[in-house]
Amino acid sequence: MNAREEIQLVLKIVLKYARTQLQEEGGFQAFGATLGSNRDVLMLLPESQPDDASFADVREHWYRALRKAIDDGGCRTVAWCCNVKAPGENDTRVPAVFVHVEHMEGQAWEMYFPFATDSDSTVLYGEQTELAVQSVLFVRDVQRSPEADPPIQ
């Protein structure tokens, strides 16, 4: 598998888990995932998360957890995911799944997947927004510039 295929595999699993949680629980706590060299995906699920946690706090928690997983060895791709309100049309905020994903070769993206729930409580993802960003997990000496953080839902 090449880097893009490994990233797509992690995204597929992360989005499937997020959809299941949204459909069954109406939301989810932020979580992480790693892909090892044998295409083994390990889900990293928190025991709890404070209701008032800021996006920056959640991001830093998952950066630490994923860096530890990388240091422990064998990770080729890592991701963390949370439920947010993303910019929508006409200055509105819409529910979305946010995913930060990185590959060991240096590729990194932040993605928003807006979603809606149909009459059967099935979560339907809308058109994703994808932004290539600088790797911060596999490269340690990179300083992340401050950004406007999306609010956690």
N, C-alpha and C. Protein backbone atom coordinates (compact mmCIF):
# COMPACT_ATOMS: atom_id res chain seq x y z
N MET A 1 0.85 -1.19 0.00
CA MET A 1 0.00 0.00 0.00
C MET A 1 0.88 1.25 0.00
N ASN A 2 0.46 2.25 -0.74
CA ASN A 2 1.18 3.51 -0.69
C ASN A 2 0.60 4.40 0.42
N ALA A 3 1.21 5.55 0.63
CA ALA A 3 0.81 6.43 1.72
C ALA A 3 -0.65 6.85 1.62
N ARG A 4 -1.10 7.23 0.42
CA ARG A 4 -2.49 7.68 0.25
C ARG A 4 -3.47 6.54 0.55
N GLU A 5 -3.15 5.33 0.13
CA GLU A 5 -4.01 4.18 0.41
C GLU A 5 -4.07 3.88 1.91
N GLU A 6 -2.94 4.03 2.60
CA GLU A 6 -2.94 3.81 4.05
C GLU A 6 -3.78 4.88 4.74
N ILE A 7 -3.67 6.11 4.30
CA ILE A 7 -4.48 7.19 4.87
C ILE A 7 -5.95 6.91 4.62
N GLN A 8 -6.30 6.49 3.40
CA GLN A 8 -7.69 6.20 3.07
C GLN A 8 -8.25 5.07 3.92
N LEU A 9 -7.42 4.05 4.21
CA LEU A 9 -7.86 2.95 5.07
C LEU A 9 -8.19 3.45 6.47
N VAL A 10 -7.31 4.27 7.03
CA VAL A 10 -7.57 4.82 8.37
C VAL A 10 -8.82 5.69 8.35
N LEU A 11 -8.95 6.55 7.34
CA LEU A 11 -10.14 7.39 7.24
C LEU A 11 -11.42 6.57 7.16
N LYS A 12 -11.41 5.53 6.38
CA LYS A 12 -12.59 4.67 6.24
C LYS A 12 -13.02 4.11 7.59
N ILE A 13 -12.07 3.64 8.36
CA ILE A 13 -12.39 3.04 9.66
C ILE A 13 -12.81 4.12 10.65
N VAL A 14 -12.11 5.24 10.68
CA VAL A 14 -12.45 6.33 11.60
C VAL A 14 -13.86 6.86 11.31
N LEU A 15 -14.17 7.09 10.03
CA LEU A 15 -15.49 7.62 9.68
C LEU A 15 -16.60 6.62 9.93
N LYS A 16 -16.32 5.35 9.74
CA LYS A 16 -17.31 4.31 10.03
C LYS A 16 -17.61 4.28 11.53
N TYR A 17 -16.57 4.35 12.36
CA TYR A 17 -16.78 4.36 13.81
C TYR A 17 -17.55 5.61 14.24
N ALA A 18 -17.16 6.77 13.70
CA ALA A 18 -17.85 8.02 14.04
C ALA A 18 -19.33 7.93 13.65
N ARG A 19 -19.62 7.42 12.46
CA ARG A 19 -21.01 7.28 12.00
C ARG A 19 -21.80 6.37 12.95
N THR A 20 -21.21 5.25 13.32
CA THR A 20 -21.90 4.32 14.23
C THR A 20 -22.20 5.00 15.55
N GLN A 21 -21.23 5.73 16.11
CA GLN A 21 -21.45 6.42 17.37
C GLN A 21 -22.51 7.51 17.24
N LEU A 22 -22.49 8.25 16.16
CA LEU A 22 -23.49 9.29 15.94
C LEU A 22 -24.89 8.69 15.83
N GLN A 23 -25.00 7.56 15.12
CA GLN A 23 -26.30 6.92 14.94
C GLN A 23 -26.81 6.28 16.22
N GLU A 24 -25.92 5.66 16.97
CA GLU A 24 -26.34 4.93 18.17
C GLU A 24 -26.39 5.79 19.43
N GLU A 25 -25.47 6.76 19.52
CA GLU A 25 -25.35 7.55 20.75
C GLU A 25 -25.70 9.02 20.55
N GLY A 26 -25.82 9.45 19.31
CA GLY A 26 -26.11 10.85 19.03
C GLY A 26 -24.88 11.75 19.08
N GLY A 27 -23.71 11.18 19.28
CA GLY A 27 -22.46 11.92 19.36
C GLY A 27 -21.35 10.97 19.76
N PHE A 28 -20.16 11.52 19.96
CA PHE A 28 -19.05 10.68 20.39
C PHE A 28 -17.98 11.54 21.03
N GLN A 29 -17.18 10.89 21.86
CA GLN A 29 -16.00 11.54 22.42
C GLN A 29 -14.89 11.45 21.37
N ALA A 30 -13.99 12.42 21.41
CA ALA A 30 -12.85 12.38 20.50
C ALA A 30 -12.12 11.06 20.68
N PHE A 31 -11.55 10.56 19.58
CA PHE A 31 -10.82 9.29 19.62
C PHE A 31 -9.70 9.33 18.61
N GLY A 32 -8.80 8.36 18.72
CA GLY A 32 -7.68 8.27 17.81
C GLY A 32 -7.60 6.91 17.16
N ALA A 33 -6.73 6.79 16.17
CA ALA A 33 -6.51 5.51 15.50
C ALA A 33 -5.09 5.50 14.95
N THR A 34 -4.52 4.30 14.90
CA THR A 34 -3.19 4.13 14.32
C THR A 34 -3.24 2.97 13.33
N LEU A 35 -2.40 3.05 12.32
CA LEU A 35 -2.25 1.97 11.35
C LEU A 35 -0.82 1.48 11.44
N GLY A 36 -0.68 0.17 11.70
CA GLY A 36 0.65 -0.43 11.80
C GLY A 36 1.13 -0.95 10.45
N SER A 37 2.31 -1.51 10.44
CA SER A 37 2.92 -1.97 9.20
C SER A 37 2.22 -3.18 8.60
N ASN A 38 1.40 -3.87 9.37
CA ASN A 38 0.67 -5.04 8.87
C ASN A 38 -0.78 -4.71 8.53
N ARG A 39 -1.07 -3.41 8.28
CA ARG A 39 -2.42 -2.94 7.99
C ARG A 39 -3.36 -3.15 9.16
N ASP A 40 -2.82 -3.22 10.35
CA ASP A 40 -3.63 -3.39 11.56
C ASP A 40 -3.99 -2.01 12.11
N VAL A 41 -5.28 -1.74 12.22
CA VAL A 41 -5.75 -0.47 12.74
C VAL A 41 -6.11 -0.66 14.20
N LEU A 42 -5.54 0.18 15.04
CA LEU A 42 -5.81 0.16 16.48
C LEU A 42 -6.58 1.42 16.82
N MET A 43 -7.77 1.24 17.40
CA MET A 43 -8.57 2.38 17.83
C MET A 43 -8.13 2.77 19.23
N LEU A 44 -7.98 4.07 19.46
CA LEU A 44 -7.60 4.60 20.76
C LEU A 44 -8.82 5.36 21.30
N LEU A 45 -9.48 4.75 22.27
CA LEU A 45 -10.73 5.30 22.79
C LEU A 45 -10.51 5.84 24.20
N PRO A 46 -10.98 7.06 24.46
CA PRO A 46 -10.78 7.65 25.79
C PRO A 46 -11.74 7.04 26.81
N GLU A 47 -11.30 7.05 28.06
CA GLU A 47 -12.21 6.62 29.12
C GLU A 47 -13.26 7.70 29.37
N SER A 48 -12.84 8.95 29.27
CA SER A 48 -13.77 10.07 29.47
C SER A 48 -13.16 11.33 28.86
N GLN A 49 -14.01 12.34 28.73
CA GLN A 49 -13.57 13.64 28.24
C GLN A 49 -14.42 14.70 28.91
N PRO A 50 -13.82 15.72 29.47
CA PRO A 50 -14.62 16.78 30.10
C PRO A 50 -15.56 17.42 29.08
N ASP A 51 -16.77 17.72 29.51
CA ASP A 51 -17.75 18.35 28.63
C ASP A 51 -17.29 19.72 28.15
N ASP A 52 -16.50 20.40 28.96
CA ASP A 52 -16.08 21.76 28.62
C ASP A 52 -14.69 21.82 27.99
N ALA A 53 -14.19 20.70 27.50
CA ALA A 53 -12.86 20.68 26.89
C ALA A 53 -12.86 21.51 25.61
N SER A 54 -11.86 22.35 25.48
CA SER A 54 -11.73 23.16 24.26
C SER A 54 -11.14 22.30 23.15
N PHE A 55 -11.27 22.78 21.92
CA PHE A 55 -10.67 22.08 20.79
C PHE A 55 -9.17 21.97 21.00
N ALA A 56 -8.54 23.04 21.46
CA ALA A 56 -7.08 23.04 21.69
C ALA A 56 -6.70 21.99 22.73
N ASP A 57 -7.48 21.85 23.80
CA ASP A 57 -7.20 20.85 24.82
C ASP A 57 -7.31 19.43 24.25
N VAL A 58 -8.37 19.20 23.48
CA VAL A 58 -8.58 17.88 22.88
C VAL A 58 -7.46 17.58 21.89
N ARG A 59 -7.10 18.57 21.07
CA ARG A 59 -6.02 18.40 20.10
C ARG A 59 -4.71 18.03 20.81
N GLU A 60 -4.37 18.76 21.85
CA GLU A 60 -3.11 18.48 22.56
C GLU A 60 -3.13 17.10 23.20
N HIS A 61 -4.28 16.70 23.74
CA HIS A 61 -4.39 15.35 24.31
C HIS A 61 -4.08 14.29 23.25
N TRP A 62 -4.70 14.43 22.07
CA TRP A 62 -4.49 13.43 21.02
C TRP A 62 -3.11 13.53 20.40
N TYR A 63 -2.54 14.71 20.33
CA TYR A 63 -1.15 14.81 19.87
C TYR A 63 -0.23 14.02 20.81
N ARG A 64 -0.42 14.20 22.12
CA ARG A 64 0.41 13.45 23.08
C ARG A 64 0.20 11.95 22.93
N ALA A 65 -1.06 11.51 22.86
CA ALA A 65 -1.37 10.08 22.77
C ALA A 65 -0.81 9.48 21.48
N LEU A 66 -0.94 10.20 20.37
CA LEU A 66 -0.46 9.66 19.10
C LEU A 66 1.06 9.70 19.01
N ARG A 67 1.68 10.71 19.59
CA ARG A 67 3.16 10.73 19.63
C ARG A 67 3.68 9.55 20.44
N LYS A 68 3.00 9.23 21.53
CA LYS A 68 3.39 8.06 22.33
C LYS A 68 3.27 6.78 21.50
N ALA A 69 2.16 6.66 20.76
CA ALA A 69 1.98 5.48 19.90
C ALA A 69 3.08 5.41 18.85
N ILE A 70 3.44 6.55 18.28
CA ILE A 70 4.53 6.59 17.29
C ILE A 70 5.85 6.19 17.95
N ASP A 71 6.12 6.72 19.15
CA ASP A 71 7.35 6.38 19.86
C ASP A 71 7.42 4.90 20.21
N ASP A 72 6.25 4.30 20.48
CA ASP A 72 6.22 2.87 20.82
C ASP A 72 6.52 2.00 19.60
N GLY A 73 6.46 2.59 18.42
CA GLY A 73 6.89 1.92 17.20
C GLY A 73 5.79 1.29 16.38
N GLY A 74 6.07 1.16 15.09
CA GLY A 74 5.19 0.44 14.19
C GLY A 74 4.08 1.24 13.54
N CYS A 75 3.88 2.49 13.93
CA CYS A 75 2.80 3.29 13.34
C CYS A 75 3.25 3.87 12.00
N ARG A 76 2.40 3.68 11.00
CA ARG A 76 2.65 4.27 9.69
C ARG A 76 1.73 5.46 9.44
N THR A 77 0.53 5.38 9.98
CA THR A 77 -0.47 6.43 9.82
C THR A 77 -1.19 6.59 11.15
N VAL A 78 -1.46 7.84 11.53
CA VAL A 78 -2.20 8.11 12.76
C VAL A 78 -3.28 9.14 12.47
N ALA A 79 -4.34 9.10 13.27
CA ALA A 79 -5.43 10.06 13.11
C ALA A 79 -6.11 10.28 14.44
N TRP A 80 -6.71 11.45 14.58
CA TRP A 80 -7.62 11.68 15.70
C TRP A 80 -8.85 12.38 15.14
N CYS A 81 -9.95 12.22 15.84
CA CYS A 81 -11.23 12.62 15.30
C CYS A 81 -12.10 13.18 16.41
N CYS A 82 -12.88 14.21 16.10
CA CYS A 82 -13.85 14.74 17.07
C CYS A 82 -15.06 15.31 16.34
N ASN A 83 -16.09 15.52 17.11
CA ASN A 83 -17.37 16.03 16.66
C ASN A 83 -17.33 17.55 16.82
N VAL A 84 -17.50 18.31 15.74
CA VAL A 84 -17.37 19.77 15.80
C VAL A 84 -18.54 20.45 15.08
N LYS A 85 -18.55 21.75 15.19
CA LYS A 85 -19.41 22.60 14.36
C LYS A 85 -18.48 23.28 13.36
N ALA A 86 -18.71 23.05 12.08
CA ALA A 86 -17.85 23.59 11.03
C ALA A 86 -18.56 24.74 10.32
N PRO A 87 -17.80 25.61 9.68
CA PRO A 87 -18.44 26.70 8.92
C PRO A 87 -19.35 26.15 7.83
N GLY A 88 -20.55 26.69 7.76
CA GLY A 88 -21.51 26.30 6.73
C GLY A 88 -21.85 27.50 5.86
N GLU A 89 -22.94 27.39 5.15
CA GLU A 89 -23.38 28.47 4.28
C GLU A 89 -23.94 29.63 5.10
N ASN A 90 -23.82 30.83 4.56
CA ASN A 90 -24.40 32.04 5.16
C ASN A 90 -23.98 32.23 6.62
N ASP A 91 -22.70 32.03 6.89
CA ASP A 91 -22.15 32.23 8.24
C ASP A 91 -22.79 31.35 9.31
N THR A 92 -23.26 30.18 8.93
CA THR A 92 -23.84 29.25 9.90
C THR A 92 -22.78 28.25 10.32
N ARG A 93 -23.05 27.50 11.36
CA ARG A 93 -22.19 26.41 11.82
C ARG A 93 -22.99 25.13 11.66
N VAL A 94 -22.37 24.11 11.08
CA VAL A 94 -23.05 22.85 10.83
C VAL A 94 -22.32 21.72 11.55
N PRO A 95 -23.05 20.68 11.98
CA PRO A 95 -22.37 19.55 12.61
C PRO A 95 -21.44 18.86 11.62
N ALA A 96 -20.27 18.50 12.10
CA ALA A 96 -19.28 17.85 11.23
C ALA A 96 -18.37 16.95 12.06
N VAL A 97 -17.79 15.99 11.38
CA VAL A 97 -16.74 15.15 11.96
C VAL A 97 -15.42 15.76 11.48
N PHE A 98 -14.55 16.08 12.42
CA PHE A 98 -13.23 16.62 12.13
C PHE A 98 -12.22 15.49 12.26
N VAL A 99 -11.32 15.36 11.27
CA VAL A 99 -10.28 14.34 11.33
C VAL A 99 -8.94 15.00 11.00
N HIS A 100 -7.96 14.77 11.86
CA HIS A 100 -6.56 15.13 11.58
C HIS A 100 -5.86 13.81 11.33
N VAL A 101 -5.23 13.68 10.16
CA VAL A 101 -4.57 12.42 9.81
C VAL A 101 -3.17 12.72 9.29
N GLU A 102 -2.22 11.86 9.67
CA GLU A 102 -0.84 12.02 9.22
C GLU A 102 -0.23 10.67 8.86
N HIS A 103 0.67 10.72 7.88
CA HIS A 103 1.41 9.53 7.47
C HIS A 103 2.88 9.75 7.80
N MET A 104 3.59 8.67 8.05
CA MET A 104 4.99 8.75 8.44
C MET A 104 5.88 9.39 7.38
N GLU A 105 5.43 9.41 6.12
CA GLU A 105 6.21 10.04 5.06
C GLU A 105 6.04 11.55 5.02
N GLY A 106 5.22 12.10 5.94
CA GLY A 106 5.11 13.55 6.06
C GLY A 106 3.81 14.15 5.57
N GLN A 107 2.96 13.38 4.90
CA GLN A 107 1.68 13.91 4.45
C GLN A 107 0.76 14.09 5.66
N ALA A 108 0.02 15.20 5.67
CA ALA A 108 -0.90 15.47 6.78
C ALA A 108 -2.08 16.28 6.25
N TRP A 109 -3.25 15.98 6.76
CA TRP A 109 -4.46 16.68 6.36
C TRP A 109 -5.36 16.91 7.56
N GLU A 110 -6.11 17.99 7.48
CA GLU A 110 -7.22 18.22 8.40
C GLU A 110 -8.45 18.24 7.52
N MET A 111 -9.47 17.48 7.94
CA MET A 111 -10.66 17.30 7.12
C MET A 111 -11.91 17.51 7.94
N TYR A 112 -12.90 18.09 7.31
CA TYR A 112 -14.23 18.22 7.91
C TYR A 112 -15.21 17.44 7.04
N PHE A 113 -16.03 16.64 7.69
CA PHE A 113 -17.07 15.89 7.01
C PHE A 113 -18.41 16.31 7.60
N PRO A 114 -19.08 17.30 6.99
CA PRO A 114 -20.38 17.70 7.50
C PRO A 114 -21.34 16.51 7.41
N PHE A 115 -22.29 16.46 8.33
CA PHE A 115 -23.23 15.34 8.28
C PHE A 115 -24.63 15.81 8.64
N ALA A 116 -25.59 15.00 8.23
CA ALA A 116 -26.99 15.20 8.58
C ALA A 116 -27.55 13.82 8.92
N THR A 117 -28.65 13.81 9.62
CA THR A 117 -29.30 12.57 9.99
C THR A 117 -30.64 12.52 9.28
N ASP A 118 -30.92 11.39 8.59
CA ASP A 118 -32.21 11.28 7.89
C ASP A 118 -33.29 10.79 8.85
N SER A 119 -34.47 10.55 8.34
CA SER A 119 -35.62 10.17 9.18
C SER A 119 -35.43 8.82 9.86
N ASP A 120 -34.53 7.99 9.35
CA ASP A 120 -34.24 6.70 9.96
C ASP A 120 -33.05 6.75 10.91
N SER A 121 -32.60 7.97 11.24
CA SER A 121 -31.43 8.19 12.10
C SER A 121 -30.13 7.72 11.46
N THR A 122 -30.11 7.60 10.15
CA THR A 122 -28.89 7.25 9.44
C THR A 122 -28.09 8.52 9.21
N VAL A 123 -26.82 8.47 9.56
CA VAL A 123 -25.93 9.62 9.36
C VAL A 123 -25.43 9.61 7.92
N LEU A 124 -25.62 10.74 7.26
CA LEU A 124 -25.18 10.91 5.88
C LEU A 124 -24.11 11.99 5.84
N TYR A 125 -22.92 11.62 5.37
CA TYR A 125 -21.84 12.60 5.25
C TYR A 125 -22.04 13.44 4.00
N GLY A 126 -21.77 14.73 4.14
CA GLY A 126 -21.81 15.63 2.99
C GLY A 126 -20.43 15.73 2.37
N GLU A 127 -20.26 16.74 1.54
CA GLU A 127 -18.99 16.93 0.85
C GLU A 127 -17.90 17.35 1.84
N GLN A 128 -16.80 16.64 1.80
CA GLN A 128 -15.71 16.92 2.74
C GLN A 128 -14.93 18.14 2.33
N THR A 129 -14.36 18.79 3.32
CA THR A 129 -13.39 19.86 3.11
C THR A 129 -12.06 19.31 3.58
N GLU A 130 -11.05 19.41 2.75
CA GLU A 130 -9.73 18.83 3.05
C GLU A 130 -8.67 19.89 2.89
N LEU A 131 -7.81 20.01 3.90
CA LEU A 131 -6.74 20.98 3.87
C LEU A 131 -5.42 20.28 4.19
N ALA A 132 -4.47 20.35 3.26
CA ALA A 132 -3.13 19.81 3.53
C ALA A 132 -2.47 20.72 4.56
N VAL A 133 -1.91 20.09 5.60
CA VAL A 133 -1.25 20.83 6.68
C VAL A 133 0.14 20.26 6.90
N GLN A 134 0.89 20.95 7.70
CA GLN A 134 2.24 20.49 8.02
C GLN A 134 2.15 19.37 9.06
N SER A 135 2.94 18.33 8.88
CA SER A 135 2.99 17.23 9.84
C SER A 135 3.49 17.74 11.18
N VAL A 136 2.81 17.38 12.25
CA VAL A 136 3.24 17.76 13.59
C VAL A 136 3.48 16.55 14.48
N LEU A 137 3.10 15.37 14.03
CA LEU A 137 3.22 14.19 14.88
C LEU A 137 4.45 13.35 14.55
N PHE A 138 4.76 13.19 13.29
CA PHE A 138 5.94 12.41 12.92
C PHE A 138 7.19 13.28 12.89
N VAL A 139 7.01 14.60 12.84
CA VAL A 139 8.13 15.55 12.84
C VAL A 139 8.01 16.37 14.12
N ARG A 140 8.97 16.24 15.02
CA ARG A 140 8.86 16.83 16.34
C ARG A 140 9.28 18.29 16.46
N ASP A 141 10.12 18.77 15.57
CA ASP A 141 10.64 20.12 15.75
C ASP A 141 9.79 21.18 15.05
N VAL A 142 8.60 20.80 14.61
CA VAL A 142 7.71 21.73 13.93
C VAL A 142 6.83 22.42 14.97
N GLN A 143 6.76 23.73 14.89
CA GLN A 143 5.89 24.51 15.76
C GLN A 143 4.57 24.73 15.04
N ARG A 144 3.47 24.42 15.68
CA ARG A 144 2.16 24.63 15.08
C ARG A 144 1.77 26.08 15.29
N SER A 145 1.39 26.75 14.21
CA SER A 145 0.98 28.14 14.34
C SER A 145 -0.42 28.20 14.93
N PRO A 146 -0.71 29.21 15.75
CA PRO A 146 -2.04 29.31 16.34
C PRO A 146 -3.08 29.51 15.24
N GLU A 147 -4.21 28.83 15.41
CA GLU A 147 -5.29 28.92 14.43
C GLU A 147 -6.59 29.12 15.17
N ALA A 148 -7.59 29.53 14.44
CA ALA A 148 -8.93 29.60 15.01
C ALA A 148 -9.43 28.16 15.12
N ASP A 149 -9.68 27.72 16.31
CA ASP A 149 -10.09 26.35 16.53
C ASP A 149 -11.60 26.20 16.43
N PRO A 150 -12.07 25.15 15.74
CA PRO A 150 -13.51 24.94 15.67
C PRO A 150 -14.03 24.48 17.03
N PRO A 151 -15.24 24.89 17.41
CA PRO A 151 -15.77 24.45 18.68
C PRO A 151 -16.15 22.98 18.65
N ILE A 152 -15.87 22.29 19.74
CA ILE A 152 -16.25 20.89 19.87
C ILE A 152 -17.74 20.86 20.18
N GLN A 153 -18.41 19.92 19.59
CA GLN A 153 -19.85 19.80 19.78
C GLN A 153 -20.17 19.06 21.06
